[in-house]
Amino acid sequence: VGIVQTVFRVKLDKSNLESIRTFADLY
């Protein structure tokens, strides 16, 4: 989560993480 927030300035929270299963989902 820290990498995503620091590098991309995108906030990830628990509700987002539940739907992200693969790297494609994260991209």
PDB file of all heavy atoms in Angstrom:
ATOM      1  N   VAL A   1       0.849  -1.204   0.000  1.00  0.00           N
ATOM      2  CA  VAL A   1       0.000   0.000   0.000  1.00  0.00           C
ATOM      3  C   VAL A   1       0.881   1.248   0.000  1.00  0.00           C
ATOM      4  O   VAL A   1       0.617   2.207  -0.722  1.00  0.00           O
ATOM      5  CB  VAL A   1      -0.969  -0.007   1.199  1.00  0.00           C
ATOM      6  CG1 VAL A   1      -1.660   1.339   1.360  1.00  0.00           C
ATOM      7  CG2 VAL A   1      -1.999  -1.120   1.035  1.00  0.00           C
ATOM      8  N   GLY A   2       1.956   1.223   0.793  1.00  0.00           N
ATOM      9  CA  GLY A   2       2.876   2.360   0.846  1.00  0.00           C
ATOM     10  C   GLY A   2       3.505   2.652  -0.498  1.00  0.00           C
ATOM     11  O   GLY A   2       3.638   3.820  -0.892  1.00  0.00           O
ATOM     12  N   ILE A   3       3.897   1.625  -1.227  1.00  0.00           N
ATOM     13  CA  ILE A   3       4.475   1.815  -2.560  1.00  0.00           C
ATOM     14  C   ILE A   3       3.463   2.506  -3.465  1.00  0.00           C
ATOM     15  O   ILE A   3       3.783   3.487  -4.138  1.00  0.00           O
ATOM     16  CB  ILE A   3       4.913   0.463  -3.180  1.00  0.00           C
ATOM     17  CG1 ILE A   3       6.128  -0.090  -2.439  1.00  0.00           C
ATOM     18  CG2 ILE A   3       5.215   0.616  -4.669  1.00  0.00           C
ATOM     19  CD1 ILE A   3       6.486  -1.524  -2.819  1.00  0.00           C
ATOM     20  N   VAL A   4       2.246   1.995  -3.481  1.00  0.00           N
ATOM     21  CA  VAL A   4       1.210   2.558  -4.360  1.00  0.00           C
ATOM     22  C   VAL A   4       0.934   4.013  -3.994  1.00  0.00           C
ATOM     23  O   VAL A   4       0.862   4.882  -4.861  1.00  0.00           O
ATOM     24  CB  VAL A   4      -0.081   1.711  -4.302  1.00  0.00           C
ATOM     25  CG1 VAL A   4      -1.215   2.386  -5.044  1.00  0.00           C
ATOM     26  CG2 VAL A   4       0.177   0.314  -4.866  1.00  0.00           C
ATOM     27  N   GLN A   5       0.822   4.289  -2.698  1.00  0.00           N
ATOM     28  CA  GLN A   5       0.491   5.650  -2.279  1.00  0.00           C
ATOM     29  C   GLN A   5       1.647   6.620  -2.508  1.00  0.00           C
ATOM     30  O   GLN A   5       1.434   7.753  -2.923  1.00  0.00           O
ATOM     31  CB  GLN A   5       0.062   5.659  -0.812  1.00  0.00           C
ATOM     32  CG  GLN A   5      -1.276   4.980  -0.628  1.00  0.00           C
ATOM     33  CD  GLN A   5      -1.784   4.975   0.809  1.00  0.00           C
ATOM     34  OE1 GLN A   5      -1.038   5.214   1.747  1.00  0.00           O
ATOM     35  NE2 GLN A   5      -3.057   4.695   0.972  1.00  0.00           N
ATOM     36  N   THR A   6       2.859   6.184  -2.257  1.00  0.00           N
ATOM     37  CA  THR A   6       4.018   7.060  -2.402  1.00  0.00           C
ATOM     38  C   THR A   6       4.383   7.302  -3.863  1.00  0.00           C
ATOM     39  O   THR A   6       4.576   8.442  -4.280  1.00  0.00           O
ATOM     40  CB  THR A   6       5.242   6.449  -1.676  1.00  0.00           C
ATOM     41  OG1 THR A   6       4.904   6.264  -0.308  1.00  0.00           O
ATOM     42  CG2 THR A   6       6.458   7.347  -1.783  1.00  0.00           C
ATOM     43  N   VAL A   7       4.464   6.247  -4.629  1.00  0.00           N
ATOM     44  CA  VAL A   7       4.924   6.356  -6.011  1.00  0.00           C
ATOM     45  C   VAL A   7       3.848   6.925  -6.931  1.00  0.00           C
ATOM     46  O   VAL A   7       4.129   7.767  -7.779  1.00  0.00           O
ATOM     47  CB  VAL A   7       5.405   4.978  -6.528  1.00  0.00           C
ATOM     48  CG1 VAL A   7       5.766   5.046  -8.000  1.00  0.00           C
ATOM     49  CG2 VAL A   7       6.587   4.485  -5.707  1.00  0.00           C
ATOM     50  N   PHE A   8       2.613   6.480  -6.744  1.00  0.00           N
ATOM     51  CA  PHE A   8       1.549   6.850  -7.683  1.00  0.00           C
ATOM     52  C   PHE A   8       0.571   7.877  -7.124  1.00  0.00           C
ATOM     53  O   PHE A   8      -0.319   8.331  -7.837  1.00  0.00           O
ATOM     54  CB  PHE A   8       0.781   5.603  -8.135  1.00  0.00           C
ATOM     55  CG  PHE A   8       1.661   4.606  -8.839  1.00  0.00           C
ATOM     56  CD1 PHE A   8       2.132   3.488  -8.170  1.00  0.00           C
ATOM     57  CD2 PHE A   8       2.052   4.803 -10.148  1.00  0.00           C
ATOM     58  CE1 PHE A   8       2.955   2.573  -8.800  1.00  0.00           C
ATOM     59  CE2 PHE A   8       2.867   3.894 -10.793  1.00  0.00           C
ATOM     60  CZ  PHE A   8       3.332   2.780 -10.113  1.00  0.00           C
ATOM     61  N   ARG A   9       0.709   8.202  -5.837  1.00  0.00           N
ATOM     62  CA  ARG A   9      -0.202   9.165  -5.194  1.00  0.00           C
ATOM     63  C   ARG A   9      -1.660   8.705  -5.295  1.00  0.00           C
ATOM     64  O   ARG A   9      -2.573   9.491  -5.540  1.00  0.00           O
ATOM     65  CB  ARG A   9      -0.078  10.564  -5.808  1.00  0.00           C
ATOM     66  CG  ARG A   9       1.324  11.109  -5.834  1.00  0.00           C
ATOM     67  CD  ARG A   9       1.670  11.737  -4.500  1.00  0.00           C
ATOM     68  NE  ARG A   9       2.944  12.428  -4.568  1.00  0.00           N
ATOM     69  CZ  ARG A   9       4.012  12.043  -3.873  1.00  0.00           C
ATOM     70  NH1 ARG A   9       3.945  11.026  -3.077  1.00  0.00           N
ATOM     71  NH2 ARG A   9       5.146  12.707  -3.974  1.00  0.00           N
ATOM     72  N   VAL A  10      -1.845   7.397  -5.111  1.00  0.00           N
ATOM     73  CA  VAL A  10      -3.175   6.793  -5.165  1.00  0.00           C
ATOM     74  C   VAL A  10      -3.464   6.180  -3.806  1.00  0.00           C
ATOM     75  O   VAL A  10      -2.663   5.406  -3.290  1.00  0.00           O
ATOM     76  CB  VAL A  10      -3.239   5.707  -6.270  1.00  0.00           C
ATOM     77  CG1 VAL A  10      -4.532   4.934  -6.203  1.00  0.00           C
ATOM     78  CG2 VAL A  10      -3.059   6.337  -7.640  1.00  0.00           C
ATOM     79  N   LYS A  11      -4.601   6.524  -3.234  1.00  0.00           N
ATOM     80  CA  LYS A  11      -4.979   6.006  -1.922  1.00  0.00           C
ATOM     81  C   LYS A  11      -5.655   4.649  -2.068  1.00  0.00           C
ATOM     82  O   LYS A  11      -6.594   4.483  -2.832  1.00  0.00           O
ATOM     83  CB  LYS A  11      -5.914   6.986  -1.215  1.00  0.00           C
ATOM     84  CG  LYS A  11      -6.304   6.545   0.174  1.00  0.00           C
ATOM     85  CD  LYS A  11      -6.969   7.673   0.920  1.00  0.00           C
ATOM     86  CE  LYS A  11      -7.499   7.284   2.281  1.00  0.00           C
ATOM     87  NZ  LYS A  11      -6.684   6.417   3.084  1.00  0.00           N
ATOM     88  N   LEU A  12      -5.138   3.691  -1.322  1.00  0.00           N
ATOM     89  CA  LEU A  12      -5.721   2.349  -1.265  1.00  0.00           C
ATOM     90  C   LEU A  12      -6.254   2.137   0.144  1.00  0.00           C
ATOM     91  O   LEU A  12      -5.542   2.380   1.112  1.00  0.00           O
ATOM     92  CB  LEU A  12      -4.636   1.298  -1.498  1.00  0.00           C
ATOM     93  CG  LEU A  12      -4.378   0.796  -2.892  1.00  0.00           C
ATOM     94  CD1 LEU A  12      -3.165  -0.097  -2.898  1.00  0.00           C
ATOM     95  CD2 LEU A  12      -5.559   0.065  -3.443  1.00  0.00           C
ATOM     96  N   ASP A  13      -7.490   1.687   0.274  1.00  0.00           N
ATOM     97  CA  ASP A  13      -7.984   1.346   1.593  1.00  0.00           C
ATOM     98  C   ASP A  13      -8.533  -0.078   1.576  1.00  0.00           C
ATOM     99  O   ASP A  13      -8.508  -0.745   0.542  1.00  0.00           O
ATOM    100  CB  ASP A  13      -9.020   2.362   2.097  1.00  0.00           C
ATOM    101  CG  ASP A  13     -10.222   2.490   1.187  1.00  0.00           C
ATOM    102  OD1 ASP A  13     -10.604   1.484   0.546  1.00  0.00           O
ATOM    103  OD2 ASP A  13     -10.795   3.586   1.113  1.00  0.00           O
ATOM    104  N   LYS A  14      -9.011  -0.526   2.709  1.00  0.00           N
ATOM    105  CA  LYS A  14      -9.430  -1.919   2.835  1.00  0.00           C
ATOM    106  C   LYS A  14     -10.483  -2.314   1.810  1.00  0.00           C
ATOM    107  O   LYS A  14     -10.409  -3.395   1.232  1.00  0.00           O
ATOM    108  CB  LYS A  14      -9.937  -2.176   4.250  1.00  0.00           C
ATOM    109  CG  LYS A  14     -10.240  -3.613   4.517  1.00  0.00           C
ATOM    110  CD  LYS A  14     -10.649  -3.859   5.941  1.00  0.00           C
ATOM    111  CE  LYS A  14     -10.950  -5.333   6.101  1.00  0.00           C
ATOM    112  NZ  LYS A  14     -11.200  -5.713   7.462  1.00  0.00           N
ATOM    113  N   SER A  15     -11.442  -1.444   1.566  1.00  0.00           N
ATOM    114  CA  SER A  15     -12.494  -1.793   0.604  1.00  0.00           C
ATOM    115  C   SER A  15     -11.934  -1.952  -0.807  1.00  0.00           C
ATOM    116  O   SER A  15     -12.401  -2.801  -1.575  1.00  0.00           O
ATOM    117  CB  SER A  15     -13.612  -0.752   0.622  1.00  0.00           C
ATOM    118  OG  SER A  15     -13.132   0.499   0.193  1.00  0.00           O
ATOM    119  N   ASN A  16     -10.914  -1.162  -1.156  1.00  0.00           N
ATOM    120  CA  ASN A  16     -10.271  -1.304  -2.467  1.00  0.00           C
ATOM    121  C   ASN A  16      -9.496  -2.611  -2.547  1.00  0.00           C
ATOM    122  O   ASN A  16      -9.526  -3.296  -3.571  1.00  0.00           O
ATOM    123  CB  ASN A  16      -9.300  -0.161  -2.737  1.00  0.00           C
ATOM    124  CG  ASN A  16      -9.930   1.213  -2.677  1.00  0.00           C
ATOM    125  OD1 ASN A  16      -9.415   2.087  -1.993  1.00  0.00           O
ATOM    126  ND2 ASN A  16     -11.039   1.406  -3.354  1.00  0.00           N
ATOM    127  N   LEU A  17      -8.805  -2.939  -1.478  1.00  0.00           N
ATOM    128  CA  LEU A  17      -7.958  -4.131  -1.480  1.00  0.00           C
ATOM    129  C   LEU A  17      -8.764  -5.413  -1.647  1.00  0.00           C
ATOM    130  O   LEU A  17      -8.262  -6.380  -2.204  1.00  0.00           O
ATOM    131  CB  LEU A  17      -7.140  -4.194  -0.188  1.00  0.00           C
ATOM    132  CG  LEU A  17      -6.045  -3.148  -0.080  1.00  0.00           C
ATOM    133  CD1 LEU A  17      -5.446  -3.144   1.319  1.00  0.00           C
ATOM    134  CD2 LEU A  17      -4.959  -3.396  -1.116  1.00  0.00           C
ATOM    135  N   GLU A  18      -9.999  -5.412  -1.186  1.00  0.00           N
ATOM    136  CA  GLU A  18     -10.823  -6.609  -1.301  1.00  0.00           C
ATOM    137  C   GLU A  18     -11.112  -6.968  -2.752  1.00  0.00           C
ATOM    138  O   GLU A  18     -11.302  -8.135  -3.071  1.00  0.00           O
ATOM    139  CB  GLU A  18     -12.125  -6.424  -0.520  1.00  0.00           C
ATOM    140  CG  GLU A  18     -11.896  -6.378   0.971  1.00  0.00           C
ATOM    141  CD  GLU A  18     -13.133  -5.988   1.770  1.00  0.00           C
ATOM    142  OE1 GLU A  18     -14.193  -5.725   1.163  1.00  0.00           O
ATOM    143  OE2 GLU A  18     -13.012  -5.936   2.999  1.00  0.00           O
ATOM    144  N   SER A  19     -11.110  -5.987  -3.642  1.00  0.00           N
ATOM    145  CA  SER A  19     -11.406  -6.257  -5.050  1.00  0.00           C
ATOM    146  C   SER A  19     -10.145  -6.436  -5.902  1.00  0.00           C
ATOM    147  O   SER A  19     -10.235  -6.777  -7.076  1.00  0.00           O
ATOM    148  CB  SER A  19     -12.260  -5.134  -5.631  1.00  0.00           C
ATOM    149  OG  SER A  19     -11.534  -3.927  -5.638  1.00  0.00           O
ATOM    150  N   ILE A  20      -8.991  -6.213  -5.315  1.00  0.00           N
ATOM    151  CA  ILE A  20      -7.729  -6.341  -6.055  1.00  0.00           C
ATOM    152  C   ILE A  20      -7.110  -7.694  -5.733  1.00  0.00           C
ATOM    153  O   ILE A  20      -6.641  -7.927  -4.621  1.00  0.00           O
ATOM    154  CB  ILE A  20      -6.773  -5.187  -5.695  1.00  0.00           C
ATOM    155  CG1 ILE A  20      -7.380  -3.855  -6.136  1.00  0.00           C
ATOM    156  CG2 ILE A  20      -5.403  -5.411  -6.337  1.00  0.00           C
ATOM    157  CD1 ILE A  20      -6.601  -2.637  -5.687  1.00  0.00           C
ATOM    158  N   ARG A  21      -7.127  -8.571  -6.715  1.00  0.00           N
ATOM    159  CA  ARG A  21      -6.601  -9.927  -6.519  1.00  0.00           C
ATOM    160  C   ARG A  21      -5.346 -10.197  -7.347  1.00  0.00           C
ATOM    161  O   ARG A  21      -4.480 -10.943  -6.920  1.00  0.00           O
ATOM    162  CB  ARG A  21      -7.675 -10.960  -6.874  1.00  0.00           C
ATOM    163  CG  ARG A  21      -8.846 -10.914  -5.937  1.00  0.00           C
ATOM    164  CD  ARG A  21      -8.460 -11.534  -4.610  1.00  0.00           C
ATOM    165  NE  ARG A  21      -9.437 -11.185  -3.591  1.00  0.00           N
ATOM    166  CZ  ARG A  21      -9.127 -10.807  -2.372  1.00  0.00           C
ATOM    167  NH1 ARG A  21      -7.888 -10.731  -2.007  1.00  0.00           N
ATOM    168  NH2 ARG A  21     -10.049 -10.505  -1.509  1.00  0.00           N
ATOM    169  N   THR A  22      -5.288  -9.645  -8.559  1.00  0.00           N
ATOM    170  CA  THR A  22      -4.149  -9.899  -9.449  1.00  0.00           C
ATOM    171  C   THR A  22      -3.400  -8.591  -9.696  1.00  0.00           C
ATOM    172  O   THR A  22      -3.887  -7.506  -9.377  1.00  0.00           O
ATOM    173  CB  THR A  22      -4.614 -10.446 -10.807  1.00  0.00           C
ATOM    174  OG1 THR A  22      -5.380  -9.439 -11.470  1.00  0.00           O
ATOM    175  CG2 THR A  22      -5.439 -11.724 -10.652  1.00  0.00           C
ATOM    176  N   PHE A  23      -2.236  -8.707 -10.290  1.00  0.00           N
ATOM    177  CA  PHE A  23      -1.489  -7.501 -10.633  1.00  0.00           C
ATOM    178  C   PHE A  23      -2.256  -6.673 -11.670  1.00  0.00           C
ATOM    179  O   PHE A  23      -2.219  -5.455 -11.622  1.00  0.00           O
ATOM    180  CB  PHE A  23      -0.076  -7.843 -11.117  1.00  0.00           C
ATOM    181  CG  PHE A  23       0.817  -8.252  -9.983  1.00  0.00           C
ATOM    182  CD1 PHE A  23       1.030  -9.588  -9.693  1.00  0.00           C
ATOM    183  CD2 PHE A  23       1.416  -7.304  -9.177  1.00  0.00           C
ATOM    184  CE1 PHE A  23       1.834  -9.971  -8.630  1.00  0.00           C
ATOM    185  CE2 PHE A  23       2.222  -7.669  -8.100  1.00  0.00           C
ATOM    186  CZ  PHE A  23       2.431  -9.015  -7.830  1.00  0.00           C
ATOM    187  N   ALA A  24      -2.975  -7.332 -12.578  1.00  0.00           N
ATOM    188  CA  ALA A  24      -3.785  -6.591 -13.556  1.00  0.00           C
ATOM    189  C   ALA A  24      -4.834  -5.739 -12.843  1.00  0.00           C
ATOM    190  O   ALA A  24      -5.064  -4.590 -13.229  1.00  0.00           O
ATOM    191  CB  ALA A  24      -4.448  -7.553 -14.538  1.00  0.00           C
ATOM    192  N   ASP A  25      -5.440  -6.290 -11.793  1.00  0.00           N
ATOM    193  CA  ASP A  25      -6.416  -5.520 -11.007  1.00  0.00           C
ATOM    194  C   ASP A  25      -5.752  -4.282 -10.399  1.00  0.00           C
ATOM    195  O   ASP A  25      -6.334  -3.196 -10.386  1.00  0.00           O
ATOM    196  CB  ASP A  25      -6.997  -6.352  -9.859  1.00  0.00           C
ATOM    197  CG  ASP A  25      -7.834  -7.530 -10.318  1.00  0.00           C
ATOM    198  OD1 ASP A  25      -8.336  -7.516 -11.454  1.00  0.00           O
ATOM    199  OD2 ASP A  25      -7.983  -8.475  -9.501  1.00  0.00           O
ATOM    200  N   LEU A  26      -4.541  -4.462  -9.902  1.00  0.00           N
ATOM    201  CA  LEU A  26      -3.821  -3.345  -9.280  1.00  0.00           C
ATOM    202  C   LEU A  26      -3.436  -2.305 -10.327  1.00  0.00           C
ATOM    203  O   LEU A  26      -3.591  -1.099 -10.104  1.00  0.00           O
ATOM    204  CB  LEU A  26      -2.591  -3.844  -8.530  1.00  0.00           C
ATOM    205  CG  LEU A  26      -1.818  -2.805  -7.719  1.00  0.00           C
ATOM    206  CD1 LEU A  26      -2.721  -2.061  -6.729  1.00  0.00           C
ATOM    207  CD2 LEU A  26      -0.664  -3.466  -6.979  1.00  0.00           C
ATOM    208  N   TYR A  27      -2.964  -2.745 -11.495  1.00  0.00           N
ATOM    209  CA  TYR A  27      -2.636  -1.798 -12.570  1.00  0.00           C
ATOM    210  C   TYR A  27      -3.878  -0.999 -12.958  1.00  0.00           C
ATOM    211  O   TYR A  27      -3.809   0.219 -13.126  1.00  0.00           O
ATOM    212  CB  TYR A  27      -2.118  -2.514 -13.829  1.00  0.00           C
ATOM    213  CG  TYR A  27      -0.933  -3.417 -13.654  1.00  0.00           C
ATOM    214  CD1 TYR A  27      -0.812  -4.575 -14.422  1.00  0.00           C
ATOM    215  CD2 TYR A  27       0.089  -3.139 -12.740  1.00  0.00           C
ATOM    216  CE1 TYR A  27       0.279  -5.421 -14.304  1.00  0.00           C
ATOM    217  CE2 TYR A  27       1.176  -3.998 -12.609  1.00  0.00           C
ATOM    218  CZ  TYR A  27       1.264  -5.128 -13.386  1.00  0.00           C
ATOM    219  OH  TYR A  27       2.333  -5.966 -13.261  1.00  0.00           O
TER     220      TYR A  27
END
